[in-house]
Amino acid sequence: MPDVFYKECWHIVGERKVEEVLKVLNGGETLVGWNDTNIVLITKVLANRLKKILPEAFSNTQSAFVPERLITDEGS
């Protein structure tokens, strides 16, 4: 589920979600799709961290993958 769902509905689903997570952490069975969810969350964390360093990692003339840089920018 998207994060906005949890933000808006935590008062409804929060207690059950905490129970499920603790059950898995304490050796319980992993739910179907659990690994997929973890991979998506890890990818999102990595992408958000990379956003901060991408402008410094690429030359000023590189525009791909750098937010707010356009291919038409001259790279001054």
PDB file of N, CA and C in Angstrom:
ATOM      1  N   MET A   1       0.845  -1.179   0.000  1.00  0.00           N
ATOM      2  CA  MET A   1       0.000   0.000   0.000  1.00  0.00           C
ATOM      3  C   MET A   1       0.892   1.244   0.000  1.00  0.00           C
ATOM      4  N   PRO A   2       0.443   2.284  -0.630  1.00  0.00           N
ATOM      5  CA  PRO A   2       1.237   3.524  -0.615  1.00  0.00           C
ATOM      6  C   PRO A   2       1.281   4.135   0.787  1.00  0.00           C
ATOM      7  N   ASP A   3       2.306   4.922   1.028  1.00  0.00           N
ATOM      8  CA  ASP A   3       2.484   5.504   2.357  1.00  0.00           C
ATOM      9  C   ASP A   3       1.317   6.381   2.779  1.00  0.00           C
ATOM     10  N   VAL A   4       0.670   7.028   1.825  1.00  0.00           N
ATOM     11  CA  VAL A   4      -0.463   7.900   2.170  1.00  0.00           C
ATOM     12  C   VAL A   4      -1.592   7.080   2.800  1.00  0.00           C
ATOM     13  N   PHE A   5      -1.753   5.829   2.372  1.00  0.00           N
ATOM     14  CA  PHE A   5      -2.758   4.960   2.980  1.00  0.00           C
ATOM     15  C   PHE A   5      -2.472   4.783   4.471  1.00  0.00           C
ATOM     16  N   TYR A   6      -1.217   4.464   4.798  1.00  0.00           N
ATOM     17  CA  TYR A   6      -0.872   4.256   6.202  1.00  0.00           C
ATOM     18  C   TYR A   6      -0.988   5.534   7.013  1.00  0.00           C
ATOM     19  N   LYS A   7      -0.639   6.657   6.420  1.00  0.00           N
ATOM     20  CA  LYS A   7      -0.754   7.933   7.129  1.00  0.00           C
ATOM     21  C   LYS A   7      -2.208   8.247   7.465  1.00  0.00           C
ATOM     22  N   GLU A   8      -3.088   7.998   6.503  1.00  0.00           N
ATOM     23  CA  GLU A   8      -4.497   8.330   6.689  1.00  0.00           C
ATOM     24  C   GLU A   8      -5.253   7.285   7.518  1.00  0.00           C
ATOM     25  N   CYS A   9      -4.834   6.028   7.441  1.00  0.00           N
ATOM     26  CA  CYS A   9      -5.610   4.937   8.052  1.00  0.00           C
ATOM     27  C   CYS A   9      -4.883   4.225   9.189  1.00  0.00           C
ATOM     28  N   TRP A  10      -3.801   4.814   9.694  1.00  0.00           N
ATOM     29  CA  TRP A  10      -3.030   4.135  10.724  1.00  0.00           C
ATOM     30  C   TRP A  10      -3.887   3.815  11.946  1.00  0.00           C
ATOM     31  N   HIS A  11      -4.795   4.696  12.272  1.00  0.00           N
ATOM     32  CA  HIS A  11      -5.661   4.464  13.436  1.00  0.00           C
ATOM     33  C   HIS A  11      -6.538   3.226  13.244  1.00  0.00           C
ATOM     34  N   ILE A  12      -6.729   2.787  12.017  1.00  0.00           N
ATOM     35  CA  ILE A  12      -7.529   1.603  11.727  1.00  0.00           C
ATOM     36  C   ILE A  12      -6.647   0.362  11.589  1.00  0.00           C
ATOM     37  N   VAL A  13      -5.550   0.465  10.852  1.00  0.00           N
ATOM     38  CA  VAL A  13      -4.734  -0.713  10.511  1.00  0.00           C
ATOM     39  C   VAL A  13      -3.437  -0.825  11.303  1.00  0.00           C
ATOM     40  N   GLY A  14      -3.068   0.204  12.030  1.00  0.00           N
ATOM     41  CA  GLY A  14      -1.770   0.261  12.685  1.00  0.00           C
ATOM     42  C   GLY A  14      -1.481  -0.880  13.640  1.00  0.00           C
ATOM     43  N   GLU A  15      -2.412  -1.155  14.531  1.00  0.00           N
ATOM     44  CA  GLU A  15      -2.185  -2.202  15.523  1.00  0.00           C
ATOM     45  C   GLU A  15      -1.975  -3.563  14.851  1.00  0.00           C
ATOM     46  N   ARG A  16      -2.784  -3.860  13.865  1.00  0.00           N
ATOM     47  CA  ARG A  16      -2.664  -5.148  13.155  1.00  0.00           C
ATOM     48  C   ARG A  16      -1.347  -5.224  12.384  1.00  0.00           C
ATOM     49  N   LYS A  17      -0.945  -4.120  11.772  1.00  0.00           N
ATOM     50  CA  LYS A  17       0.306  -4.100  11.003  1.00  0.00           C
ATOM     51  C   LYS A  17       1.500  -4.330  11.923  1.00  0.00           C
ATOM     52  N   VAL A  18       1.504  -3.705  13.079  1.00  0.00           N
ATOM     53  CA  VAL A  18       2.588  -3.897  14.051  1.00  0.00           C
ATOM     54  C   VAL A  18       2.637  -5.357  14.483  1.00  0.00           C
ATOM     55  N   GLU A  19       1.484  -5.959  14.732  1.00  0.00           N
ATOM     56  CA  GLU A  19       1.438  -7.379  15.105  1.00  0.00           C
ATOM     57  C   GLU A  19       2.046  -8.261  14.026  1.00  0.00           C
ATOM     58  N   GLU A  20       1.705  -7.993  12.764  1.00  0.00           N
ATOM     59  CA  GLU A  20       2.234  -8.791  11.653  1.00  0.00           C
ATOM     60  C   GLU A  20       3.747  -8.677  11.543  1.00  0.00           C
ATOM     61  N   VAL A  21       4.254  -7.469  11.651  1.00  0.00           N
ATOM     62  CA  VAL A  21       5.697  -7.242  11.538  1.00  0.00           C
ATOM     63  C   VAL A  21       6.430  -7.933  12.688  1.00  0.00           C
ATOM     64  N   LEU A  22       5.930  -7.786  13.900  1.00  0.00           N
ATOM     65  CA  LEU A  22       6.577  -8.429  15.053  1.00  0.00           C
ATOM     66  C   LEU A  22       6.542  -9.951  14.936  1.00  0.00           C
ATOM     67  N   LYS A  23       5.462 -10.476  14.404  1.00  0.00           N
ATOM     68  CA  LYS A  23       5.358 -11.923  14.219  1.00  0.00           C
ATOM     69  C   LYS A  23       6.456 -12.426  13.281  1.00  0.00           C
ATOM     70  N   VAL A  24       6.683 -11.728  12.181  1.00  0.00           N
ATOM     71  CA  VAL A  24       7.731 -12.112  11.226  1.00  0.00           C
ATOM     72  C   VAL A  24       9.108 -11.960  11.867  1.00  0.00           C
ATOM     73  N   LEU A  25       9.330 -10.859  12.564  1.00  0.00           N
ATOM     74  CA  LEU A  25      10.625 -10.617  13.197  1.00  0.00           C
ATOM     75  C   LEU A  25      10.943 -11.638  14.281  1.00  0.00           C
ATOM     76  N   ASN A  26       9.922 -12.202  14.866  1.00  0.00           N
ATOM     77  CA  ASN A  26      10.113 -13.207  15.914  1.00  0.00           C
ATOM     78  C   ASN A  26      10.085 -14.632  15.376  1.00  0.00           C
ATOM     79  N   GLY A  27      10.321 -14.790  14.072  1.00  0.00           N
ATOM     80  CA  GLY A  27      10.448 -16.119  13.488  1.00  0.00           C
ATOM     81  C   GLY A  27       9.199 -16.673  12.859  1.00  0.00           C
ATOM     82  N   GLY A  28       8.166 -15.878  12.770  1.00  0.00           N
ATOM     83  CA  GLY A  28       6.930 -16.340  12.140  1.00  0.00           C
ATOM     84  C   GLY A  28       7.073 -16.442  10.633  1.00  0.00           C
ATOM     85  N   GLU A  29       6.043 -16.965  10.019  1.00  0.00           N
ATOM     86  CA  GLU A  29       6.046 -17.145   8.570  1.00  0.00           C
ATOM     87  C   GLU A  29       5.998 -15.794   7.860  1.00  0.00           C
ATOM     88  N   THR A  30       6.775 -15.670   6.795  1.00  0.00           N
ATOM     89  CA  THR A  30       6.773 -14.457   5.988  1.00  0.00           C
ATOM     90  C   THR A  30       5.542 -14.443   5.106  1.00  0.00           C
ATOM     91  N   LEU A  31       4.877 -13.325   5.059  1.00  0.00           N
ATOM     92  CA  LEU A  31       3.676 -13.192   4.251  1.00  0.00           C
ATOM     93  C   LEU A  31       4.014 -13.173   2.759  1.00  0.00           C
ATOM     94  N   VAL A  32       3.073 -13.622   1.934  1.00  0.00           N
ATOM     95  CA  VAL A  32       3.257 -13.588   0.482  1.00  0.00           C
ATOM     96  C   VAL A  32       3.444 -12.131   0.055  1.00  0.00           C
ATOM     97  N   GLY A  33       4.445 -11.868  -0.757  1.00  0.00           N
ATOM     98  CA  GLY A  33       4.706 -10.511  -1.234  1.00  0.00           C
ATOM     99  C   GLY A  33       5.571  -9.674  -0.305  1.00  0.00           C
ATOM    100  N   TRP A  34       5.914 -10.218   0.856  1.00  0.00           N
ATOM    101  CA  TRP A  34       6.713  -9.463   1.837  1.00  0.00           C
ATOM    102  C   TRP A  34       8.045  -9.030   1.241  1.00  0.00           C
ATOM    103  N   ASN A  35       8.733  -9.947   0.566  1.00  0.00           N
ATOM    104  CA  ASN A  35      10.028  -9.616  -0.036  1.00  0.00           C
ATOM    105  C   ASN A  35       9.894  -8.552  -1.108  1.00  0.00           C
ATOM    106  N   ASP A  36       8.826  -8.620  -1.899  1.00  0.00           N
ATOM    107  CA  ASP A  36       8.595  -7.601  -2.920  1.00  0.00           C
ATOM    108  C   ASP A  36       8.459  -6.221  -2.283  1.00  0.00           C
ATOM    109  N   THR A  37       7.722  -6.170  -1.197  1.00  0.00           N
ATOM    110  CA  THR A  37       7.527  -4.900  -0.482  1.00  0.00           C
ATOM    111  C   THR A  37       8.852  -4.368   0.044  1.00  0.00           C
ATOM    112  N   ASN A  38       9.663  -5.245   0.623  1.00  0.00           N
ATOM    113  CA  ASN A  38      10.964  -4.821   1.152  1.00  0.00           C
ATOM    114  C   ASN A  38      11.868  -4.299   0.051  1.00  0.00           C
ATOM    115  N   ILE A  39      11.874  -4.958  -1.102  1.00  0.00           N
ATOM    116  CA  ILE A  39      12.716  -4.514  -2.213  1.00  0.00           C
ATOM    117  C   ILE A  39      12.288  -3.135  -2.684  1.00  0.00           C
ATOM    118  N   VAL A  40      10.992  -2.904  -2.781  1.00  0.00           N
ATOM    119  CA  VAL A  40      10.494  -1.590  -3.203  1.00  0.00           C
ATOM    120  C   VAL A  40      10.898  -0.513  -2.198  1.00  0.00           C
ATOM    121  N   LEU A  41      10.769  -0.802  -0.913  1.00  0.00           N
ATOM    122  CA  LEU A  41      11.143   0.178   0.112  1.00  0.00           C
ATOM    123  C   LEU A  41      12.642   0.480   0.085  1.00  0.00           C
ATOM    124  N   ILE A  42      13.454  -0.556  -0.070  1.00  0.00           N
ATOM    125  CA  ILE A  42      14.905  -0.358  -0.150  1.00  0.00           C
ATOM    126  C   ILE A  42      15.258   0.485  -1.362  1.00  0.00           C
ATOM    127  N   THR A  43      14.649   0.165  -2.509  1.00  0.00           N
ATOM    128  CA  THR A  43      14.896   0.936  -3.739  1.00  0.00           C
ATOM    129  C   THR A  43      14.508   2.397  -3.552  1.00  0.00           C
ATOM    130  N   LYS A  44      13.380   2.637  -2.877  1.00  0.00           N
ATOM    131  CA  LYS A  44      12.929   4.014  -2.656  1.00  0.00           C
ATOM    132  C   LYS A  44      13.900   4.783  -1.762  1.00  0.00           C
ATOM    133  N   VAL A  45      14.380   4.139  -0.720  1.00  0.00           N
ATOM    134  CA  VAL A  45      15.352   4.779   0.184  1.00  0.00           C
ATOM    135  C   VAL A  45      16.628   5.120  -0.579  1.00  0.00           C
ATOM    136  N   LEU A  46      17.130   4.167  -1.362  1.00  0.00           N
ATOM    137  CA  LEU A  46      18.346   4.413  -2.143  1.00  0.00           C
ATOM    138  C   LEU A  46      18.155   5.558  -3.138  1.00  0.00           C
ATOM    139  N   ALA A  47      17.028   5.547  -3.831  1.00  0.00           N
ATOM    140  CA  ALA A  47      16.758   6.603  -4.817  1.00  0.00           C
ATOM    141  C   ALA A  47      16.697   7.971  -4.152  1.00  0.00           C
ATOM    142  N   ASN A  48      16.040   8.061  -3.005  1.00  0.00           N
ATOM    143  CA  ASN A  48      15.940   9.347  -2.311  1.00  0.00           C
ATOM    144  C   ASN A  48      17.302   9.836  -1.819  1.00  0.00           C
ATOM    145  N   ARG A  49      18.156   8.918  -1.398  1.00  0.00           N
ATOM    146  CA  ARG A  49      19.501   9.322  -0.960  1.00  0.00           C
ATOM    147  C   ARG A  49      20.369   9.732  -2.146  1.00  0.00           C
ATOM    148  N   LEU A  50      20.231   9.023  -3.249  1.00  0.00           N
ATOM    149  CA  LEU A  50      21.017   9.361  -4.442  1.00  0.00           C
ATOM    150  C   LEU A  50      20.632  10.719  -5.018  1.00  0.00           C
ATOM    151  N   LYS A  51      19.369  11.100  -4.885  1.00  0.00           N
ATOM    152  CA  LYS A  51      18.912  12.400  -5.395  1.00  0.00           C
ATOM    153  C   LYS A  51      19.764  13.535  -4.845  1.00  0.00           C
ATOM    154  N   LYS A  52      20.205  13.383  -3.606  1.00  0.00           N
ATOM    155  CA  LYS A  52      20.963  14.450  -2.952  1.00  0.00           C
ATOM    156  C   LYS A  52      22.371  14.601  -3.511  1.00  0.00           C
ATOM    157  N   ILE A  53      22.969  13.511  -3.996  1.00  0.00           N
ATOM    158  CA  ILE A  53      24.353  13.590  -4.463  1.00  0.00           C
ATOM    159  C   ILE A  53      24.501  13.580  -5.976  1.00  0.00           C
ATOM    160  N   LEU A  54      23.433  13.292  -6.702  1.00  0.00           N
ATOM    161  CA  LEU A  54      23.541  13.222  -8.162  1.00  0.00           C
ATOM    162  C   LEU A  54      24.065  14.510  -8.800  1.00  0.00           C
ATOM    163  N   PRO A  55      23.596  15.676  -8.383  1.00  0.00           N
ATOM    164  CA  PRO A  55      24.122  16.888  -9.018  1.00  0.00           C
ATOM    165  C   PRO A  55      25.645  17.023  -8.913  1.00  0.00           C
ATOM    166  N   GLU A  56      26.241  16.555  -7.817  1.00  0.00           N
ATOM    167  CA  GLU A  56      27.686  16.630  -7.656  1.00  0.00           C
ATOM    168  C   GLU A  56      28.411  15.474  -8.339  1.00  0.00           C
ATOM    169  N   ALA A  57      27.716  14.367  -8.537  1.00  0.00           N
ATOM    170  CA  ALA A  57      28.344  13.178  -9.107  1.00  0.00           C
ATOM    171  C   ALA A  57      28.515  13.269 -10.620  1.00  0.00           C
ATOM    172  N   PHE A  58      27.732  14.100 -11.278  1.00  0.00           N
ATOM    173  CA  PHE A  58      27.804  14.232 -12.727  1.00  0.00           C
ATOM    174  C   PHE A  58      28.277  15.625 -13.104  1.00  0.00           C
ATOM    175  N   SER A  59      28.903  15.726 -14.241  1.00  0.00           N
ATOM    176  CA  SER A  59      29.369  17.036 -14.708  1.00  0.00           C
ATOM    177  C   SER A  59      28.170  17.939 -14.986  1.00  0.00           C
ATOM    178  N   ASN A  60      28.433  19.227 -15.069  1.00  0.00           N
ATOM    179  CA  ASN A  60      27.363  20.199 -15.316  1.00  0.00           C
ATOM    180  C   ASN A  60      26.698  19.990 -16.665  1.00  0.00           C
ATOM    181  N   THR A  61      27.388  19.356 -17.601  1.00  0.00           N
ATOM    182  CA  THR A  61      26.798  19.139 -18.923  1.00  0.00           C
ATOM    183  C   THR A  61      25.906  17.906 -18.963  1.00  0.00           C
ATOM    184  N   GLN A  62      25.954  17.081 -17.932  1.00  0.00           N
ATOM    185  CA  GLN A  62      25.109  15.884 -17.876  1.00  0.00           C
ATOM    186  C   GLN A  62      23.738  16.266 -17.333  1.00  0.00           C
ATOM    187  N   SER A  63      22.683  15.925 -18.056  1.00  0.00           N
ATOM    188  CA  SER A  63      21.349  16.276 -17.582  1.00  0.00           C
ATOM    189  C   SER A  63      20.509  15.065 -17.198  1.00  0.00           C
ATOM    190  N   ALA A  64      20.828  13.902 -17.728  1.00  0.00           N
ATOM    191  CA  ALA A  64      20.027  12.717 -17.422  1.00  0.00           C
ATOM    192  C   ALA A  64      20.148  12.352 -15.948  1.00  0.00           C
ATOM    193  N   PHE A  65      19.071  12.007 -15.345  1.00  0.00           N
ATOM    194  CA  PHE A  65      18.987  11.545 -13.957  1.00  0.00           C
ATOM    195  C   PHE A  65      19.227  12.644 -12.923  1.00  0.00           C
ATOM    196  N   VAL A  66      19.392  13.875 -13.341  1.00  0.00           N
ATOM    197  CA  VAL A  66      19.631  14.966 -12.395  1.00  0.00           C
ATOM    198  C   VAL A  66      18.394  15.860 -12.379  1.00  0.00           C
ATOM    199  N   PRO A  67      17.668  15.877 -11.258  1.00  0.00           N
ATOM    200  CA  PRO A  67      16.470  16.708 -11.180  1.00  0.00           C
ATOM    201  C   PRO A  67      16.772  18.170 -11.464  1.00  0.00           C
ATOM    202  N   GLU A  68      15.857  18.820 -12.133  1.00  0.00           N
ATOM    203  CA  GLU A  68      15.918  20.245 -12.451  1.00  0.00           C
ATOM    204  C   GLU A  68      16.989  20.607 -13.472  1.00  0.00           C
ATOM    205  N   ARG A  69      17.625  19.628 -14.091  1.00  0.00           N
ATOM    206  CA  ARG A  69      18.541  19.900 -15.204  1.00  0.00           C
ATOM    207  C   ARG A  69      17.865  19.453 -16.482  1.00  0.00           C
ATOM    208  N   LEU A  70      17.920  20.300 -17.472  1.00  0.00           N
ATOM    209  CA  LEU A  70      17.342  19.975 -18.753  1.00  0.00           C
ATOM    210  C   LEU A  70      18.431  19.729 -19.777  1.00  0.00           C
ATOM    211  N   ILE A  71      18.122  18.939 -20.793  1.00  0.00           N
ATOM    212  CA  ILE A  71      19.102  18.647 -21.838  1.00  0.00           C
ATOM    213  C   ILE A  71      19.490  19.931 -22.572  1.00  0.00           C
ATOM    214  N   THR A  72      18.623  20.953 -22.531  1.00  0.00           N
ATOM    215  CA  THR A  72      18.913  22.215 -23.194  1.00  0.00           C
ATOM    216  C   THR A  72      19.794  23.139 -22.370  1.00  0.00           C
ATOM    217  N   ASP A  73      20.032  22.793 -21.095  1.00  0.00           N
ATOM    218  CA  ASP A  73      20.937  23.582 -20.258  1.00  0.00           C
ATOM    219  C   ASP A  73      22.352  23.497 -20.818  1.00  0.00           C
ATOM    220  N   GLU A  74      23.084  24.605 -20.749  1.00  0.00           N
ATOM    221  CA  GLU A  74      24.439  24.636 -21.299  1.00  0.00           C
ATOM    222  C   GLU A  74      25.486  24.136 -20.311  1.00  0.00           C
ATOM    223  N   GLY A  75      25.145  23.968 -19.063  1.00  0.00           N
ATOM    224  CA  GLY A  75      26.114  23.453 -18.088  1.00  0.00           C
ATOM    225  C   GLY A  75      27.125  24.473 -17.630  1.00  0.00           C
ATOM    226  N   SER A  76      26.682  25.685 -17.425  1.00  0.00           N
ATOM    227  CA  SER A  76      27.610  26.732 -16.980  1.00  0.00           C
ATOM    228  C   SER A  76      27.958  26.612 -15.535  1.00  0.00           C
TER     229      SER A  76
END
